[in-house]
Amino acid sequence: MKSNKTRPTINKVSLSINQLKSEQKRKDSQVLIDLMSKITNEVPVIWGTSINGFGSYQYKYKSGREGDWFLTGFSPRKNAMSTYLMCDLEHKDLNFDGLGKYKKSQGCLYLKKNDDIDLNVLGKIIQDSITIIKKIYS
């Protein structure tokens, strides 16, 4: 069975954040680190080259594919902060009302800057996503 390309590394989160060229991205990243650490009660770990992941769980799909993944995380990308949640952001138990400006794909929220969103609403979305993951994979 093929293994995930994106895995935890020993790279330092602080170095990763400090290397960001944009001061706004550095500040927003620190706020997200604090928020996700508080919600998960975990310290961030760099997954792959640039994802700050918090906690982990084991998944197994009906296809037989299995692996480890982080409960939540983010990556400060050039155009937006990619915020990783569960694989299905259309899940009926996730509510994005009041979040502010964002775009989403199947499993990511794309946030330009923290000033565009309500961090309390984001925290609730992250917590709800983790709750769903734990129900599915426990």
N, C-alpha and C. Protein backbone atom coordinates (compact mmCIF):
# COMPACT_ATOMS: atom_id res chain seq x y z
N MET A 1 0.85 -1.18 0.00
CA MET A 1 0.00 0.00 0.00
C MET A 1 0.89 1.24 0.00
N LYS A 2 0.54 2.20 -0.81
CA LYS A 2 1.27 3.46 -0.91
C LYS A 2 1.12 4.27 0.37
N SER A 3 2.21 4.90 0.84
CA SER A 3 2.12 5.72 2.05
C SER A 3 1.94 7.19 1.66
N ASN A 4 1.44 7.96 2.61
CA ASN A 4 1.24 9.40 2.39
C ASN A 4 2.58 10.09 2.15
N LYS A 5 2.57 11.04 1.23
CA LYS A 5 3.77 11.86 1.01
C LYS A 5 3.91 12.87 2.14
N THR A 6 2.80 13.33 2.67
CA THR A 6 2.82 14.35 3.72
C THR A 6 2.83 13.65 5.07
N ARG A 7 3.96 13.75 5.76
CA ARG A 7 4.14 13.12 7.06
C ARG A 7 4.78 14.10 8.03
N PRO A 8 4.68 13.80 9.34
CA PRO A 8 5.33 14.68 10.31
C PRO A 8 6.84 14.70 10.12
N THR A 9 7.44 15.86 10.39
CA THR A 9 8.88 16.01 10.27
C THR A 9 9.43 16.49 11.62
N ILE A 10 10.74 16.64 11.68
CA ILE A 10 11.37 17.19 12.88
C ILE A 10 11.69 18.67 12.70
N ASN A 11 11.24 19.26 11.59
CA ASN A 11 11.49 20.68 11.33
C ASN A 11 10.83 21.54 12.39
N LYS A 12 11.44 22.64 12.72
CA LYS A 12 10.96 23.54 13.77
C LYS A 12 9.88 24.47 13.24
N VAL A 13 8.74 24.49 13.91
CA VAL A 13 7.64 25.38 13.54
C VAL A 13 8.08 26.83 13.62
N SER A 14 8.80 27.18 14.68
CA SER A 14 9.21 28.58 14.86
C SER A 14 10.10 29.03 13.70
N LEU A 15 10.98 28.18 13.22
CA LEU A 15 11.83 28.56 12.08
C LEU A 15 10.99 28.75 10.83
N SER A 16 10.04 27.86 10.64
CA SER A 16 9.16 27.95 9.48
C SER A 16 8.39 29.27 9.47
N ILE A 17 7.86 29.66 10.61
CA ILE A 17 7.08 30.90 10.72
C ILE A 17 8.00 32.11 10.57
N ASN A 18 9.15 32.08 11.22
CA ASN A 18 10.07 33.22 11.16
C ASN A 18 10.63 33.47 9.76
N GLN A 19 10.61 32.46 8.91
CA GLN A 19 11.13 32.61 7.55
C GLN A 19 10.11 33.24 6.59
N LEU A 20 8.88 33.42 7.05
CA LEU A 20 7.88 34.04 6.18
C LEU A 20 8.26 35.49 5.90
N LYS A 21 8.14 35.89 4.65
CA LYS A 21 8.53 37.25 4.27
C LYS A 21 7.53 38.30 4.76
N SER A 22 6.28 37.95 4.81
CA SER A 22 5.23 38.89 5.20
C SER A 22 5.07 38.94 6.72
N GLU A 23 5.20 40.13 7.27
CA GLU A 23 4.98 40.29 8.71
C GLU A 23 3.55 39.92 9.08
N GLN A 24 2.59 40.28 8.22
CA GLN A 24 1.18 39.94 8.46
C GLN A 24 1.00 38.43 8.55
N LYS A 25 1.63 37.68 7.64
CA LYS A 25 1.52 36.21 7.67
C LYS A 25 2.16 35.64 8.93
N ARG A 26 3.27 36.23 9.38
CA ARG A 26 3.90 35.76 10.62
C ARG A 26 2.96 35.98 11.81
N LYS A 27 2.37 37.17 11.88
CA LYS A 27 1.44 37.46 12.98
C LYS A 27 0.21 36.56 12.92
N ASP A 28 -0.38 36.45 11.73
CA ASP A 28 -1.57 35.60 11.57
C ASP A 28 -1.25 34.14 11.90
N SER A 29 -0.06 33.70 11.51
CA SER A 29 0.35 32.32 11.80
C SER A 29 0.44 32.08 13.30
N GLN A 30 1.02 33.03 14.02
CA GLN A 30 1.14 32.87 15.47
C GLN A 30 -0.24 32.81 16.14
N VAL A 31 -1.16 33.63 15.66
CA VAL A 31 -2.53 33.61 16.20
C VAL A 31 -3.16 32.24 15.95
N LEU A 32 -2.98 31.69 14.75
CA LEU A 32 -3.55 30.37 14.45
C LEU A 32 -2.87 29.28 15.27
N ILE A 33 -1.57 29.39 15.47
CA ILE A 33 -0.87 28.42 16.32
C ILE A 33 -1.47 28.44 17.72
N ASP A 34 -1.65 29.64 18.27
CA ASP A 34 -2.22 29.75 19.62
C ASP A 34 -3.63 29.18 19.67
N LEU A 35 -4.45 29.51 18.67
CA LEU A 35 -5.84 29.04 18.64
C LEU A 35 -5.91 27.52 18.52
N MET A 36 -5.17 26.96 17.58
CA MET A 36 -5.23 25.51 17.35
C MET A 36 -4.59 24.74 18.50
N SER A 37 -3.55 25.30 19.11
CA SER A 37 -2.94 24.65 20.27
C SER A 37 -3.93 24.59 21.44
N LYS A 38 -4.65 25.68 21.64
CA LYS A 38 -5.64 25.72 22.72
C LYS A 38 -6.76 24.72 22.48
N ILE A 39 -7.24 24.64 21.24
CA ILE A 39 -8.35 23.73 20.92
C ILE A 39 -7.92 22.27 21.02
N THR A 40 -6.74 21.95 20.50
CA THR A 40 -6.31 20.55 20.44
C THR A 40 -5.51 20.11 21.66
N ASN A 41 -5.00 21.08 22.42
CA ASN A 41 -4.10 20.79 23.53
C ASN A 41 -2.85 20.06 23.03
N GLU A 42 -2.41 20.44 21.82
CA GLU A 42 -1.25 19.83 21.18
C GLU A 42 -0.29 20.93 20.72
N VAL A 43 0.99 20.59 20.64
CA VAL A 43 1.95 21.51 20.04
C VAL A 43 1.99 21.24 18.54
N PRO A 44 2.25 22.26 17.73
CA PRO A 44 2.28 22.03 16.28
C PRO A 44 3.52 21.26 15.85
N VAL A 45 3.34 20.51 14.78
CA VAL A 45 4.41 19.75 14.15
C VAL A 45 4.35 20.07 12.66
N ILE A 46 5.50 20.27 12.04
CA ILE A 46 5.52 20.50 10.59
C ILE A 46 5.28 19.16 9.89
N TRP A 47 4.25 19.13 9.06
CA TRP A 47 3.95 17.98 8.22
C TRP A 47 4.35 18.36 6.80
N GLY A 48 5.08 17.48 6.13
CA GLY A 48 5.55 17.79 4.79
C GLY A 48 6.51 18.96 4.85
N THR A 49 6.34 19.89 3.92
CA THR A 49 7.27 21.01 3.86
C THR A 49 6.78 22.26 4.57
N SER A 50 5.46 22.38 4.78
CA SER A 50 5.00 23.67 5.31
C SER A 50 3.68 23.65 6.07
N ILE A 51 3.15 22.48 6.40
CA ILE A 51 1.88 22.43 7.11
C ILE A 51 2.15 22.33 8.61
N ASN A 52 1.54 23.24 9.36
CA ASN A 52 1.61 23.21 10.82
C ASN A 52 0.42 22.36 11.28
N GLY A 53 0.68 21.12 11.67
CA GLY A 53 -0.37 20.19 12.04
C GLY A 53 -0.45 20.01 13.55
N PHE A 54 -1.67 19.79 14.02
CA PHE A 54 -1.92 19.65 15.46
C PHE A 54 -2.61 18.32 15.73
N GLY A 55 -2.00 17.52 16.61
CA GLY A 55 -2.57 16.22 16.94
C GLY A 55 -2.50 15.30 15.73
N SER A 56 -3.05 14.11 15.89
CA SER A 56 -3.10 13.18 14.77
C SER A 56 -4.16 12.12 15.03
N TYR A 57 -4.53 11.45 13.98
CA TYR A 57 -5.47 10.33 14.07
C TYR A 57 -5.16 9.36 12.94
N GLN A 58 -5.62 8.14 13.11
CA GLN A 58 -5.46 7.14 12.07
C GLN A 58 -6.78 7.00 11.33
N TYR A 59 -6.68 6.97 10.01
CA TYR A 59 -7.89 6.80 9.21
C TYR A 59 -7.76 5.52 8.39
N LYS A 60 -8.91 5.00 8.02
CA LYS A 60 -8.96 3.87 7.10
C LYS A 60 -10.20 4.05 6.25
N TYR A 61 -9.99 4.18 4.94
CA TYR A 61 -11.09 4.36 4.00
C TYR A 61 -11.66 3.01 3.60
N LYS A 62 -12.86 3.04 3.05
CA LYS A 62 -13.50 1.81 2.58
C LYS A 62 -12.64 1.12 1.52
N SER A 63 -11.86 1.90 0.78
CA SER A 63 -10.99 1.36 -0.26
C SER A 63 -9.84 0.53 0.31
N GLY A 64 -9.62 0.67 1.62
CA GLY A 64 -8.51 -0.02 2.26
C GLY A 64 -7.32 0.89 2.54
N ARG A 65 -7.29 2.04 1.90
CA ARG A 65 -6.20 2.99 2.15
C ARG A 65 -6.28 3.45 3.60
N GLU A 66 -5.12 3.50 4.24
CA GLU A 66 -5.08 3.95 5.63
C GLU A 66 -3.81 4.76 5.87
N GLY A 67 -3.83 5.51 6.95
CA GLY A 67 -2.66 6.31 7.28
C GLY A 67 -2.92 7.18 8.48
N ASP A 68 -1.99 8.07 8.72
CA ASP A 68 -2.08 9.03 9.82
C ASP A 68 -2.24 10.42 9.22
N TRP A 69 -2.97 11.27 9.91
CA TRP A 69 -3.17 12.64 9.46
C TRP A 69 -3.35 13.52 10.69
N PHE A 70 -3.18 14.80 10.55
CA PHE A 70 -3.34 15.73 11.68
C PHE A 70 -4.82 16.10 11.85
N LEU A 71 -5.20 16.41 13.08
CA LEU A 71 -6.59 16.78 13.36
C LEU A 71 -6.98 18.10 12.70
N THR A 72 -6.10 19.05 12.77
CA THR A 72 -6.29 20.35 12.12
C THR A 72 -4.92 20.95 11.89
N GLY A 73 -4.87 21.93 11.02
CA GLY A 73 -3.59 22.56 10.75
C GLY A 73 -3.76 23.70 9.75
N PHE A 74 -2.64 24.31 9.44
CA PHE A 74 -2.67 25.39 8.45
C PHE A 74 -1.30 25.51 7.80
N SER A 75 -1.31 26.14 6.65
CA SER A 75 -0.08 26.44 5.94
C SER A 75 -0.17 27.85 5.39
N PRO A 76 0.79 28.70 5.73
CA PRO A 76 0.78 30.06 5.20
C PRO A 76 1.27 30.08 3.75
N ARG A 77 0.34 30.05 2.83
CA ARG A 77 0.67 30.06 1.40
C ARG A 77 0.74 31.50 0.88
N LYS A 78 1.22 31.66 -0.32
CA LYS A 78 1.41 33.00 -0.88
C LYS A 78 0.09 33.78 -0.96
N ASN A 79 -0.96 33.17 -1.47
CA ASN A 79 -2.22 33.88 -1.69
C ASN A 79 -3.19 33.82 -0.52
N ALA A 80 -3.04 32.85 0.33
CA ALA A 80 -3.98 32.70 1.45
C ALA A 80 -3.41 31.75 2.48
N MET A 81 -3.99 31.80 3.66
CA MET A 81 -3.67 30.85 4.71
C MET A 81 -4.57 29.63 4.47
N SER A 82 -3.96 28.51 4.12
CA SER A 82 -4.73 27.28 3.91
C SER A 82 -4.96 26.64 5.27
N THR A 83 -6.21 26.57 5.67
CA THR A 83 -6.57 26.01 6.97
C THR A 83 -7.21 24.65 6.73
N TYR A 84 -6.57 23.61 7.25
CA TYR A 84 -6.98 22.24 6.98
C TYR A 84 -7.93 21.75 8.05
N LEU A 85 -9.06 21.26 7.59
CA LEU A 85 -10.07 20.69 8.49
C LEU A 85 -10.32 19.26 8.02
N MET A 86 -11.48 18.75 8.29
CA MET A 86 -11.80 17.40 7.84
C MET A 86 -11.95 17.37 6.32
N CYS A 87 -12.08 16.21 5.76
CA CYS A 87 -12.09 16.06 4.30
C CYS A 87 -13.39 16.49 3.63
N ASP A 88 -14.43 16.76 4.38
CA ASP A 88 -15.71 17.10 3.78
C ASP A 88 -16.29 18.35 4.44
N LEU A 89 -15.98 19.51 3.88
CA LEU A 89 -16.47 20.76 4.48
C LEU A 89 -17.95 21.00 4.20
N GLU A 90 -18.57 20.09 3.47
CA GLU A 90 -20.02 20.18 3.25
C GLU A 90 -20.78 19.40 4.33
N HIS A 91 -20.08 18.86 5.30
CA HIS A 91 -20.71 18.08 6.37
C HIS A 91 -21.79 18.90 7.05
N LYS A 92 -22.91 18.28 7.33
CA LYS A 92 -24.08 18.99 7.89
C LYS A 92 -23.82 19.60 9.26
N ASP A 93 -22.82 19.13 9.99
CA ASP A 93 -22.54 19.66 11.33
C ASP A 93 -21.52 20.80 11.34
N LEU A 94 -21.10 21.24 10.17
CA LEU A 94 -20.19 22.39 10.10
C LEU A 94 -20.97 23.62 9.66
N ASN A 95 -20.82 24.69 10.41
CA ASN A 95 -21.56 25.93 10.15
C ASN A 95 -20.56 27.07 9.97
N PHE A 96 -20.58 27.69 8.81
CA PHE A 96 -19.64 28.76 8.48
C PHE A 96 -20.27 30.15 8.63
N ASP A 97 -21.51 30.20 9.11
CA ASP A 97 -22.19 31.49 9.29
C ASP A 97 -21.39 32.37 10.24
N GLY A 98 -21.18 33.61 9.84
CA GLY A 98 -20.50 34.57 10.70
C GLY A 98 -18.99 34.50 10.64
N LEU A 99 -18.43 33.59 9.84
CA LEU A 99 -16.97 33.47 9.77
C LEU A 99 -16.32 34.71 9.15
N GLY A 100 -16.93 35.25 8.13
CA GLY A 100 -16.34 36.40 7.44
C GLY A 100 -15.93 36.02 6.04
N LYS A 101 -14.84 36.61 5.54
CA LYS A 101 -14.38 36.37 4.17
C LYS A 101 -13.51 35.11 4.13
N TYR A 102 -13.91 34.19 3.28
CA TYR A 102 -13.15 32.96 3.11
C TYR A 102 -13.56 32.30 1.80
N LYS A 103 -12.75 31.38 1.36
CA LYS A 103 -13.09 30.47 0.27
C LYS A 103 -12.88 29.08 0.82
N LYS A 104 -13.54 28.11 0.23
CA LYS A 104 -13.32 26.74 0.71
C LYS A 104 -13.27 25.77 -0.45
N SER A 105 -12.57 24.68 -0.20
CA SER A 105 -12.54 23.56 -1.13
C SER A 105 -13.07 22.36 -0.35
N GLN A 106 -12.76 21.19 -0.79
CA GLN A 106 -13.30 20.00 -0.12
C GLN A 106 -12.88 19.91 1.34
N GLY A 107 -11.62 20.19 1.66
CA GLY A 107 -11.15 20.03 3.03
C GLY A 107 -10.39 21.22 3.58
N CYS A 108 -10.35 22.32 2.83
CA CYS A 108 -9.58 23.50 3.26
C CYS A 108 -10.41 24.76 3.25
N LEU A 109 -10.11 25.61 4.21
CA LEU A 109 -10.59 26.99 4.17
C LEU A 109 -9.41 27.84 3.75
N TYR A 110 -9.65 28.81 2.89
CA TYR A 110 -8.61 29.73 2.46
C TYR A 110 -8.93 31.10 3.03
N LEU A 111 -8.04 31.57 3.89
CA LEU A 111 -8.24 32.83 4.59
C LEU A 111 -7.13 33.79 4.17
N LYS A 112 -7.51 34.98 3.72
CA LYS A 112 -6.49 35.97 3.31
C LYS A 112 -5.72 36.49 4.52
N LYS A 113 -6.47 36.93 5.54
CA LYS A 113 -5.84 37.42 6.78
C LYS A 113 -6.85 37.29 7.91
N ASN A 114 -6.33 37.20 9.10
CA ASN A 114 -7.18 37.00 10.27
C ASN A 114 -8.16 38.15 10.50
N ASP A 115 -7.80 39.35 10.06
CA ASP A 115 -8.69 40.50 10.22
C ASP A 115 -9.98 40.35 9.42
N ASP A 116 -9.99 39.44 8.44
CA ASP A 116 -11.18 39.23 7.61
C ASP A 116 -12.19 38.26 8.22
N ILE A 117 -11.81 37.64 9.33
CA ILE A 117 -12.68 36.59 9.89
C ILE A 117 -12.92 36.81 11.38
N ASP A 118 -13.91 36.09 11.89
CA ASP A 118 -14.19 36.05 13.32
C ASP A 118 -13.47 34.81 13.87
N LEU A 119 -12.44 35.04 14.65
CA LEU A 119 -11.63 33.92 15.17
C LEU A 119 -12.42 33.01 16.10
N ASN A 120 -13.44 33.54 16.79
CA ASN A 120 -14.28 32.69 17.63
C ASN A 120 -15.08 31.71 16.78
N VAL A 121 -15.58 32.19 15.65
CA VAL A 121 -16.32 31.30 14.74
C VAL A 121 -15.36 30.27 14.15
N LEU A 122 -14.16 30.69 13.76
CA LEU A 122 -13.17 29.73 13.25
C LEU A 122 -12.86 28.67 14.31
N GLY A 123 -12.68 29.09 15.54
CA GLY A 123 -12.41 28.14 16.62
C GLY A 123 -13.52 27.11 16.76
N LYS A 124 -14.77 27.54 16.64
CA LYS A 124 -15.92 26.63 16.72
C LYS A 124 -15.91 25.66 15.55
N ILE A 125 -15.60 26.16 14.36
CA ILE A 125 -15.53 25.28 13.18
C ILE A 125 -14.44 24.23 13.35
N ILE A 126 -13.29 24.66 13.83
CA ILE A 126 -12.18 23.72 14.06
C ILE A 126 -12.59 22.66 15.08
N GLN A 127 -13.19 23.08 16.18
CA GLN A 127 -13.62 22.13 17.22
C GLN A 127 -14.65 21.16 16.67
N ASP A 128 -15.62 21.67 15.92
CA ASP A 128 -16.65 20.80 15.33
C ASP A 128 -16.04 19.81 14.36
N SER A 129 -15.08 20.26 13.56
CA SER A 129 -14.41 19.37 12.62
C SER A 129 -13.69 18.24 13.35
N ILE A 130 -13.00 18.57 14.42
CA ILE A 130 -12.29 17.55 15.21
C ILE A 130 -13.27 16.57 15.83
N THR A 131 -14.38 17.07 16.33
CA THR A 131 -15.41 16.20 16.91
C THR A 131 -15.92 15.20 15.87
N ILE A 132 -16.16 15.68 14.66
CA ILE A 132 -16.63 14.81 13.58
C ILE A 132 -15.58 13.76 13.24
N ILE A 133 -14.32 14.19 13.12
CA ILE A 133 -13.23 13.25 12.82
C ILE A 133 -13.18 12.15 13.88
N LYS A 134 -13.27 12.54 15.14
CA LYS A 134 -13.18 11.54 16.22
C LYS A 134 -14.36 10.58 16.21
N LYS A 135 -15.53 11.06 15.83
CA LYS A 135 -16.70 10.17 15.71
C LYS A 135 -16.49 9.16 14.58
N ILE A 136 -15.97 9.63 13.47
CA ILE A 136 -15.80 8.78 12.30
C ILE A 136 -14.68 7.75 12.51
N TYR A 137 -13.57 8.17 13.12
CA TYR A 137 -12.39 7.31 13.16
C TYR A 137 -12.07 6.75 14.54
N SER A 138 -13.01 6.77 15.45
CA SER A 138 -12.72 6.17 16.77
C SER A 138 -13.29 4.78 16.89
